[in-house]
Amino acid sequence: MDTSSDRPVILIADDHPQNVELLEAYLTGLDCEILTASDGEETLKVVAEHKPDLVLLDVMMPRVSGFEVCRTIRSDPETSNTLILIVTALNEASDFERGVQAGTDDFLTKPVNKVELLCRVKSLLRVRHLKNQLDRTLAYLADVETSSRDQD
């Protein structure tokens, strides 16, 4: 199934409903589908079921921390290419290092600036789109190469 024309899917994972509402409001102008999760376990279930393009991931969540969610997403071949933007109140260098080790693509500190959030989200989604385009082009070239070998 070719989903290249579908709207991007963004998952907001945060245990505070006010944070989820704020991020949803900030993303309203984007042409995307928004899903939400309120703890780490629910986040992993939503990621497995819906395969979002991007996860806005809080670190301090009940049941499973954002760092562990990030590691789990990265370790599963089905979800390892999911883009992850950690959105957190943690801002120590060691926290950023833990996020990088867990596999995040980018960081945003709370309180979230709307312009910065939109720039990062658009940039990450552009990267996703270009990677998908590259994958399709490489698959096409592989098919052409196979076809030309078969004709020889």
C-alpha atoms as a PDB file:
ATOM      1  CA  MET A   1       0.000   0.000   0.000  1.00  0.00           C
ATOM      2  CA  ASP A   2       1.402   3.395  -0.990  1.00  0.00           C
ATOM      3  CA  THR A   3       0.820   5.891   1.809  1.00  0.00           C
ATOM      4  CA  SER A   4       2.948   8.656   0.289  1.00  0.00           C
ATOM      5  CA  SER A   5      -0.055  10.913  -0.334  1.00  0.00           C
ATOM      6  CA  ASP A   6      -1.586  10.301   3.093  1.00  0.00           C
ATOM      7  CA  ARG A   7      -1.349  12.951   5.771  1.00  0.00           C
ATOM      8  CA  PRO A   8       1.486  12.457   8.237  1.00  0.00           C
ATOM      9  CA  VAL A   9       0.534  10.920  11.566  1.00  0.00           C
ATOM     10  CA  ILE A  10       1.880  12.563  14.726  1.00  0.00           C
ATOM     11  CA  LEU A  11       1.578  10.937  18.143  1.00  0.00           C
ATOM     12  CA  ILE A  12       1.637  13.224  21.188  1.00  0.00           C
ATOM     13  CA  ALA A  13       2.707  11.215  24.248  1.00  0.00           C
ATOM     14  CA  ASP A  14       2.396  13.103  27.540  1.00  0.00           C
ATOM     15  CA  ASP A  15       0.739  12.265  30.851  1.00  0.00           C
ATOM     16  CA  HIS A  16      -0.497  15.839  31.424  1.00  0.00           C
ATOM     17  CA  PRO A  17      -3.707  16.574  29.460  1.00  0.00           C
ATOM     18  CA  GLN A  18      -2.894  20.320  29.400  1.00  0.00           C
ATOM     19  CA  ASN A  19       0.395  19.620  27.606  1.00  0.00           C
ATOM     20  CA  VAL A  20      -1.374  17.395  25.072  1.00  0.00           C
ATOM     21  CA  GLU A  21      -4.013  20.080  24.446  1.00  0.00           C
ATOM     22  CA  LEU A  22      -1.357  22.762  24.005  1.00  0.00           C
ATOM     23  CA  LEU A  23       0.682  20.692  21.542  1.00  0.00           C
ATOM     24  CA  GLU A  24      -2.490  19.773  19.623  1.00  0.00           C
ATOM     25  CA  ALA A  25      -3.430  23.455  19.433  1.00  0.00           C
ATOM     26  CA  TYR A  26       0.055  24.371  18.180  1.00  0.00           C
ATOM     27  CA  LEU A  27      -0.140  21.694  15.465  1.00  0.00           C
ATOM     28  CA  THR A  28      -3.648  22.644  14.312  1.00  0.00           C
ATOM     29  CA  GLY A  29      -2.411  24.448  11.190  1.00  0.00           C
ATOM     30  CA  LEU A  30      -0.495  21.426   9.918  1.00  0.00           C
ATOM     31  CA  ASP A  31      -2.187  18.995   7.571  1.00  0.00           C
ATOM     32  CA  CYS A  32      -1.675  15.944   9.773  1.00  0.00           C
ATOM     33  CA  GLU A  33      -3.507  13.361  11.821  1.00  0.00           C
ATOM     34  CA  ILE A  34      -2.890  13.621  15.561  1.00  0.00           C
ATOM     35  CA  LEU A  35      -3.007  10.701  17.977  1.00  0.00           C
ATOM     36  CA  THR A  36      -2.432  10.875  21.730  1.00  0.00           C
ATOM     37  CA  ALA A  37      -1.183   8.632  24.513  1.00  0.00           C
ATOM     38  CA  SER A  38      -1.024   9.347  28.240  1.00  0.00           C
ATOM     39  CA  ASP A  39       1.691   6.961  29.453  1.00  0.00           C
ATOM     40  CA  GLY A  40       4.603   4.918  28.181  1.00  0.00           C
ATOM     41  CA  GLU A  41       2.748   1.623  27.751  1.00  0.00           C
ATOM     42  CA  GLU A  42      -0.085   3.279  25.837  1.00  0.00           C
ATOM     43  CA  THR A  43       2.502   5.067  23.669  1.00  0.00           C
ATOM     44  CA  LEU A  44       4.111   1.764  22.697  1.00  0.00           C
ATOM     45  CA  LYS A  45       0.704   0.260  21.854  1.00  0.00           C
ATOM     46  CA  VAL A  46      -0.266   3.236  19.667  1.00  0.00           C
ATOM     47  CA  VAL A  47       3.125   3.183  17.898  1.00  0.00           C
ATOM     48  CA  ALA A  48       2.814  -0.558  17.183  1.00  0.00           C
ATOM     49  CA  GLU A  49      -0.756  -0.228  15.928  1.00  0.00           C
ATOM     50  CA  HIS A  50      -0.652   3.027  13.949  1.00  0.00           C
ATOM     51  CA  LYS A  51       3.037   3.405  12.938  1.00  0.00           C
ATOM     52  CA  PRO A  52       3.077   7.216  13.294  1.00  0.00           C
ATOM     53  CA  ASP A  53       5.543   9.257  11.278  1.00  0.00           C
ATOM     54  CA  LEU A  54       6.561  11.305  14.324  1.00  0.00           C
ATOM     55  CA  VAL A  55       6.254  10.904  18.097  1.00  0.00           C
ATOM     56  CA  LEU A  56       6.354  13.963  20.365  1.00  0.00           C
ATOM     57  CA  LEU A  57       7.544  12.156  23.462  1.00  0.00           C
ATOM     58  CA  ASP A  58       7.552  13.349  27.066  1.00  0.00           C
ATOM     59  CA  VAL A  59      10.274  11.774  29.194  1.00  0.00           C
ATOM     60  CA  MET A  60       8.672  11.706  32.645  1.00  0.00           C
ATOM     61  CA  MET A  61       5.633   9.474  32.158  1.00  0.00           C
ATOM     62  CA  PRO A  62       4.066   6.776  34.322  1.00  0.00           C
ATOM     63  CA  ARG A  63       4.608   3.029  33.797  1.00  0.00           C
ATOM     64  CA  VAL A  64       7.357   3.345  31.154  1.00  0.00           C
ATOM     65  CA  SER A  65       9.622   6.395  30.859  1.00  0.00           C
ATOM     66  CA  GLY A  66      10.055   8.276  27.602  1.00  0.00           C
ATOM     67  CA  PHE A  67      13.682   7.147  27.410  1.00  0.00           C
ATOM     68  CA  GLU A  68      12.594   3.502  27.609  1.00  0.00           C
ATOM     69  CA  VAL A  69       9.802   4.109  25.059  1.00  0.00           C
ATOM     70  CA  CYS A  70      12.391   5.615  22.727  1.00  0.00           C
ATOM     71  CA  ARG A  71      14.730   2.611  23.137  1.00  0.00           C
ATOM     72  CA  THR A  72      11.871   0.179  22.550  1.00  0.00           C
ATOM     73  CA  ILE A  73      10.729   1.957  19.389  1.00  0.00           C
ATOM     74  CA  ARG A  74      14.306   1.949  18.066  1.00  0.00           C
ATOM     75  CA  SER A  75      14.871  -1.742  18.860  1.00  0.00           C
ATOM     76  CA  ASP A  76      11.789  -2.954  16.947  1.00  0.00           C
ATOM     77  CA  PRO A  77      12.445  -3.333  13.185  1.00  0.00           C
ATOM     78  CA  GLU A  78       8.783  -2.470  12.505  1.00  0.00           C
ATOM     79  CA  THR A  79       9.093   0.949  14.198  1.00  0.00           C
ATOM     80  CA  SER A  80      12.824   1.696  14.196  1.00  0.00           C
ATOM     81  CA  ASN A  81      12.478   4.412  11.536  1.00  0.00           C
ATOM     82  CA  THR A  82       9.810   6.316  13.487  1.00  0.00           C
ATOM     83  CA  LEU A  83      10.910   9.900  14.068  1.00  0.00           C
ATOM     84  CA  ILE A  84      11.072  10.859  17.742  1.00  0.00           C
ATOM     85  CA  LEU A  85      11.111  14.396  19.136  1.00  0.00           C
ATOM     86  CA  ILE A  86      11.607  14.366  22.899  1.00  0.00           C
ATOM     87  CA  VAL A  87       9.625  17.201  24.496  1.00  0.00           C
ATOM     88  CA  THR A  88      10.698  17.522  28.113  1.00  0.00           C
ATOM     89  CA  ALA A  89      11.130  19.785  31.109  1.00  0.00           C
ATOM     90  CA  LEU A  90      14.490  18.087  31.713  1.00  0.00           C
ATOM     91  CA  ASN A  91      17.281  20.299  30.432  1.00  0.00           C
ATOM     92  CA  GLU A  92      20.543  19.040  31.907  1.00  0.00           C
ATOM     93  CA  ALA A  93      23.310  17.910  29.552  1.00  0.00           C
ATOM     94  CA  SER A  94      23.061  14.400  31.016  1.00  0.00           C
ATOM     95  CA  ASP A  95      19.351  14.282  30.091  1.00  0.00           C
ATOM     96  CA  PHE A  96      20.137  15.182  26.490  1.00  0.00           C
ATOM     97  CA  GLU A  97      22.865  12.535  26.459  1.00  0.00           C
ATOM     98  CA  ARG A  98      20.409   9.902  27.740  1.00  0.00           C
ATOM     99  CA  GLY A  99      17.976  10.899  25.002  1.00  0.00           C
ATOM    100  CA  VAL A 100      20.609  10.585  22.300  1.00  0.00           C
ATOM    101  CA  GLN A 101      21.648   7.188  23.663  1.00  0.00           C
ATOM    102  CA  ALA A 102      17.988   6.124  23.629  1.00  0.00           C
ATOM    103  CA  GLY A 103      17.747   7.123  19.948  1.00  0.00           C
ATOM    104  CA  THR A 104      15.836  10.409  19.784  1.00  0.00           C
ATOM    105  CA  ASP A 105      15.998  12.464  16.584  1.00  0.00           C
ATOM    106  CA  ASP A 106      15.665  15.844  18.300  1.00  0.00           C
ATOM    107  CA  PHE A 107      14.860  17.642  21.563  1.00  0.00           C
ATOM    108  CA  LEU A 108      12.545  20.424  22.603  1.00  0.00           C
ATOM    109  CA  THR A 109      12.434  21.779  26.151  1.00  0.00           C
ATOM    110  CA  LYS A 110       9.295  22.826  27.983  1.00  0.00           C
ATOM    111  CA  PRO A 111       7.752  25.300  28.061  1.00  0.00           C
ATOM    112  CA  VAL A 112       7.406  24.752  24.319  1.00  0.00           C
ATOM    113  CA  ASN A 113       7.730  27.692  21.960  1.00  0.00           C
ATOM    114  CA  LYS A 114       5.121  27.340  19.184  1.00  0.00           C
ATOM    115  CA  VAL A 115       7.377  28.597  16.379  1.00  0.00           C
ATOM    116  CA  GLU A 116      10.231  26.320  17.427  1.00  0.00           C
ATOM    117  CA  LEU A 117       7.885  23.321  17.693  1.00  0.00           C
ATOM    118  CA  LEU A 118       6.433  23.934  14.229  1.00  0.00           C
ATOM    119  CA  CYS A 119       9.893  24.400  12.682  1.00  0.00           C
ATOM    120  CA  ARG A 120      11.180  21.159  14.188  1.00  0.00           C
ATOM    121  CA  VAL A 121       8.056  19.173  13.294  1.00  0.00           C
ATOM    122  CA  LYS A 122       8.032  20.462   9.701  1.00  0.00           C
ATOM    123  CA  SER A 123      11.742  19.750   9.341  1.00  0.00           C
ATOM    124  CA  LEU A 124      11.435  16.206  10.690  1.00  0.00           C
ATOM    125  CA  LEU A 125       8.409  15.494   8.477  1.00  0.00           C
ATOM    126  CA  ARG A 126      10.331  16.843   5.463  1.00  0.00           C
ATOM    127  CA  VAL A 127      13.148  14.424   6.284  1.00  0.00           C
ATOM    128  CA  ARG A 128      10.575  11.603   6.501  1.00  0.00           C
ATOM    129  CA  HIS A 129       9.106  12.566   3.120  1.00  0.00           C
ATOM    130  CA  LEU A 130      12.531  12.724   1.449  1.00  0.00           C
ATOM    131  CA  LYS A 131      13.545   9.357   2.918  1.00  0.00           C
ATOM    132  CA  ASN A 132      10.325   7.798   1.623  1.00  0.00           C
ATOM    133  CA  GLN A 133      10.992   9.327  -1.806  1.00  0.00           C
ATOM    134  CA  LEU A 134      14.536   7.957  -1.783  1.00  0.00           C
ATOM    135  CA  ASP A 135      13.309   4.493  -0.774  1.00  0.00           C
ATOM    136  CA  ARG A 136      10.770   4.488  -3.637  1.00  0.00           C
ATOM    137  CA  THR A 137      13.423   5.633  -6.124  1.00  0.00           C
ATOM    138  CA  LEU A 138      15.878   2.963  -4.988  1.00  0.00           C
ATOM    139  CA  ALA A 139      13.166   0.288  -5.234  1.00  0.00           C
ATOM    140  CA  TYR A 140      12.291   1.487  -8.741  1.00  0.00           C
ATOM    141  CA  LEU A 141      15.960   1.398  -9.814  1.00  0.00           C
ATOM    142  CA  ALA A 142      16.329  -2.098  -8.382  1.00  0.00           C
ATOM    143  CA  ASP A 143      13.281  -3.211 -10.402  1.00  0.00           C
ATOM    144  CA  VAL A 144      14.667  -1.615 -13.571  1.00  0.00           C
ATOM    145  CA  GLU A 145      18.032  -3.287 -13.009  1.00  0.00           C
ATOM    146  CA  THR A 146      16.391  -6.682 -12.444  1.00  0.00           C
ATOM    147  CA  SER A 147      14.225  -6.261 -15.538  1.00  0.00           C
ATOM    148  CA  SER A 148      17.182  -5.314 -17.728  1.00  0.00           C
ATOM    149  CA  ARG A 149      19.169  -8.336 -16.467  1.00  0.00           C
ATOM    150  CA  ASP A 150      16.208 -10.611 -17.173  1.00  0.00           C
ATOM    151  CA  GLN A 151      16.012  -9.306 -20.770  1.00  0.00           C
ATOM    152  CA  ASP A 152      19.713  -9.955 -21.460  1.00  0.00           C
END
